[in-house]
Amino acid sequence: MFNGSIYTMIATIDKAGRLVIPKPLRDAMGLKPGVPLDLTFVDGKIEIEYAPVEAWVRIAEDGFPIIETADDTPIDFDIREEREGMYREREERWL
């Protein structure tokens, strides 16, 4: 990885049409086995994103929200980190 970019990696499609995403790319994207993905063909490229999942928020005992899903799909989203980022952005706008 260099400056947030990953060099091009070659992968092949097997006879069943499966494509193995190289481990460095899976790691960079945080992909885990069983996580549903959306694949889209845009401008000659295949884009891979996490598929939308049904989720809701509950409040933990410490008062922070927790995102939950019906099928325990991993959610790569830290509410505390996101909240702190929003606070930093607001501070920068007001200073």
C-alpha atoms as a PDB file:
ATOM      1  CA  MET A   1       0.000   0.000   0.000  1.00  0.00           C
ATOM      2  CA  PHE A   2       1.309   3.445  -0.896  1.00  0.00           C
ATOM      3  CA  ASN A   3      -0.404   6.726   0.036  1.00  0.00           C
ATOM      4  CA  GLY A   4      -3.729   4.953   0.551  1.00  0.00           C
ATOM      5  CA  SER A   5      -3.607   3.251  -2.854  1.00  0.00           C
ATOM      6  CA  ILE A   6      -3.007  -0.397  -3.591  1.00  0.00           C
ATOM      7  CA  TYR A   7      -1.089  -1.380  -6.660  1.00  0.00           C
ATOM      8  CA  THR A   8      -2.921  -3.291  -9.380  1.00  0.00           C
ATOM      9  CA  MET A   9      -3.256  -7.001  -8.760  1.00  0.00           C
ATOM     10  CA  ILE A  10      -4.161  -9.629 -11.324  1.00  0.00           C
ATOM     11  CA  ALA A  11      -6.942 -12.110 -10.604  1.00  0.00           C
ATOM     12  CA  THR A  12      -8.606 -14.686 -12.824  1.00  0.00           C
ATOM     13  CA  ILE A  13     -12.161 -15.935 -13.074  1.00  0.00           C
ATOM     14  CA  ASP A  14     -12.599 -19.708 -12.786  1.00  0.00           C
ATOM     15  CA  LYS A  15     -14.926 -21.850 -14.925  1.00  0.00           C
ATOM     16  CA  ALA A  16     -17.745 -21.366 -12.407  1.00  0.00           C
ATOM     17  CA  GLY A  17     -17.438 -17.570 -12.798  1.00  0.00           C
ATOM     18  CA  ARG A  18     -15.898 -17.007  -9.371  1.00  0.00           C
ATOM     19  CA  LEU A  19     -13.343 -14.292  -8.825  1.00  0.00           C
ATOM     20  CA  VAL A  20     -10.963 -14.476  -5.874  1.00  0.00           C
ATOM     21  CA  ILE A  21     -10.243 -11.035  -4.458  1.00  0.00           C
ATOM     22  CA  PRO A  22      -6.538 -10.957  -3.476  1.00  0.00           C
ATOM     23  CA  LYS A  23      -5.932 -10.937   0.278  1.00  0.00           C
ATOM     24  CA  PRO A  24      -4.305  -7.461   0.379  1.00  0.00           C
ATOM     25  CA  LEU A  25      -7.439  -6.000  -1.234  1.00  0.00           C
ATOM     26  CA  ARG A  26      -9.753  -7.947   1.107  1.00  0.00           C
ATOM     27  CA  ASP A  27      -7.738  -6.738   4.085  1.00  0.00           C
ATOM     28  CA  ALA A  28      -7.728  -3.124   2.875  1.00  0.00           C
ATOM     29  CA  MET A  29     -11.506  -3.197   2.445  1.00  0.00           C
ATOM     30  CA  GLY A  30     -12.101  -5.180   5.628  1.00  0.00           C
ATOM     31  CA  LEU A  31     -13.903  -7.964   3.755  1.00  0.00           C
ATOM     32  CA  LYS A  32     -14.787 -11.029   5.787  1.00  0.00           C
ATOM     33  CA  PRO A  33     -16.264 -14.342   4.553  1.00  0.00           C
ATOM     34  CA  GLY A  34     -20.043 -14.243   4.254  1.00  0.00           C
ATOM     35  CA  VAL A  35     -20.388 -10.449   4.057  1.00  0.00           C
ATOM     36  CA  PRO A  36     -22.881  -9.530   1.305  1.00  0.00           C
ATOM     37  CA  LEU A  37     -21.449  -7.310  -1.442  1.00  0.00           C
ATOM     38  CA  ASP A  38     -22.890  -5.176  -4.247  1.00  0.00           C
ATOM     39  CA  LEU A  39     -21.034  -5.413  -7.543  1.00  0.00           C
ATOM     40  CA  THR A  40     -21.647  -2.750 -10.181  1.00  0.00           C
ATOM     41  CA  PHE A  41     -20.201  -2.285 -13.649  1.00  0.00           C
ATOM     42  CA  VAL A  42     -19.476   1.435 -14.153  1.00  0.00           C
ATOM     43  CA  ASP A  43     -17.353   3.071 -16.855  1.00  0.00           C
ATOM     44  CA  GLY A  44     -15.598  -0.190 -17.747  1.00  0.00           C
ATOM     45  CA  LYS A  45     -14.805  -1.061 -14.111  1.00  0.00           C
ATOM     46  CA  ILE A  46     -16.307  -3.440 -11.582  1.00  0.00           C
ATOM     47  CA  GLU A  47     -16.991  -1.618  -8.321  1.00  0.00           C
ATOM     48  CA  ILE A  48     -17.357  -3.596  -5.105  1.00  0.00           C
ATOM     49  CA  GLU A  49     -19.194  -2.143  -2.113  1.00  0.00           C
ATOM     50  CA  TYR A  50     -20.811  -3.532   0.992  1.00  0.00           C
ATOM     51  CA  ALA A  51     -24.438  -4.430   0.248  1.00  0.00           C
ATOM     52  CA  PRO A  52     -27.070  -2.517   2.201  1.00  0.00           C
ATOM     53  CA  VAL A  53     -28.200  -4.431   5.274  1.00  0.00           C
ATOM     54  CA  GLU A  54     -31.176  -3.986   7.548  1.00  0.00           C
ATOM     55  CA  ALA A  55     -29.856  -2.466  10.749  1.00  0.00           C
ATOM     56  CA  TRP A  56     -31.062  -0.566  13.768  1.00  0.00           C
ATOM     57  CA  VAL A  57     -29.534   1.296  16.657  1.00  0.00           C
ATOM     58  CA  ARG A  58     -29.896   0.540  20.351  1.00  0.00           C
ATOM     59  CA  ILE A  59     -28.413   2.463  23.236  1.00  0.00           C
ATOM     60  CA  ALA A  60     -25.819   0.619  25.325  1.00  0.00           C
ATOM     61  CA  GLU A  61     -25.610   0.878  29.110  1.00  0.00           C
ATOM     62  CA  ASP A  62     -22.837   3.471  28.768  1.00  0.00           C
ATOM     63  CA  GLY A  63     -25.156   5.645  26.661  1.00  0.00           C
ATOM     64  CA  PHE A  64     -23.489   5.068  23.301  1.00  0.00           C
ATOM     65  CA  PRO A  65     -25.484   3.756  20.364  1.00  0.00           C
ATOM     66  CA  ILE A  66     -24.766   0.291  18.996  1.00  0.00           C
ATOM     67  CA  ILE A  67     -25.638  -0.769  15.450  1.00  0.00           C
ATOM     68  CA  GLU A  68     -27.186  -4.233  15.232  1.00  0.00           C
ATOM     69  CA  THR A  69     -28.326  -6.387  12.317  1.00  0.00           C
ATOM     70  CA  ALA A  70     -30.807  -9.252  12.151  1.00  0.00           C
ATOM     71  CA  ASP A  71     -28.261 -11.724  10.820  1.00  0.00           C
ATOM     72  CA  ASP A  72     -25.138 -10.490  12.671  1.00  0.00           C
ATOM     73  CA  THR A  73     -23.697  -8.990   9.479  1.00  0.00           C
ATOM     74  CA  PRO A  74     -20.525  -7.179  10.528  1.00  0.00           C
ATOM     75  CA  ILE A  75     -20.900  -3.399  10.375  1.00  0.00           C
ATOM     76  CA  ASP A  76     -17.632  -1.586   9.806  1.00  0.00           C
ATOM     77  CA  PHE A  77     -18.763   1.641  11.372  1.00  0.00           C
ATOM     78  CA  ASP A  78     -17.654   2.978  14.719  1.00  0.00           C
ATOM     79  CA  ILE A  79     -20.251   5.427  15.999  1.00  0.00           C
ATOM     80  CA  ARG A  80     -17.910   6.889  18.607  1.00  0.00           C
ATOM     81  CA  GLU A  81     -15.223   7.539  15.996  1.00  0.00           C
ATOM     82  CA  GLU A  82     -17.777   8.993  13.579  1.00  0.00           C
ATOM     83  CA  ARG A  83     -19.165  11.284  16.285  1.00  0.00           C
ATOM     84  CA  GLU A  84     -15.699  12.566  17.175  1.00  0.00           C
ATOM     85  CA  GLY A  85     -15.041  13.239  13.492  1.00  0.00           C
ATOM     86  CA  MET A  86     -18.265  15.231  13.219  1.00  0.00           C
ATOM     87  CA  TYR A  87     -17.279  17.271  16.281  1.00  0.00           C
ATOM     88  CA  ARG A  88     -13.848  18.020  14.764  1.00  0.00           C
ATOM     89  CA  GLU A  89     -15.438  19.133  11.483  1.00  0.00           C
ATOM     90  CA  ARG A  90     -17.846  21.450  13.312  1.00  0.00           C
ATOM     91  CA  GLU A  91     -15.006  22.941  15.353  1.00  0.00           C
ATOM     92  CA  GLU A  92     -12.985  23.638  12.212  1.00  0.00           C
ATOM     93  CA  ARG A  93     -15.957  25.395  10.602  1.00  0.00           C
ATOM     94  CA  TRP A  94     -16.530  27.604  13.617  1.00  0.00           C
ATOM     95  CA  LEU A  95     -12.911  28.517  14.298  1.00  0.00           C
END
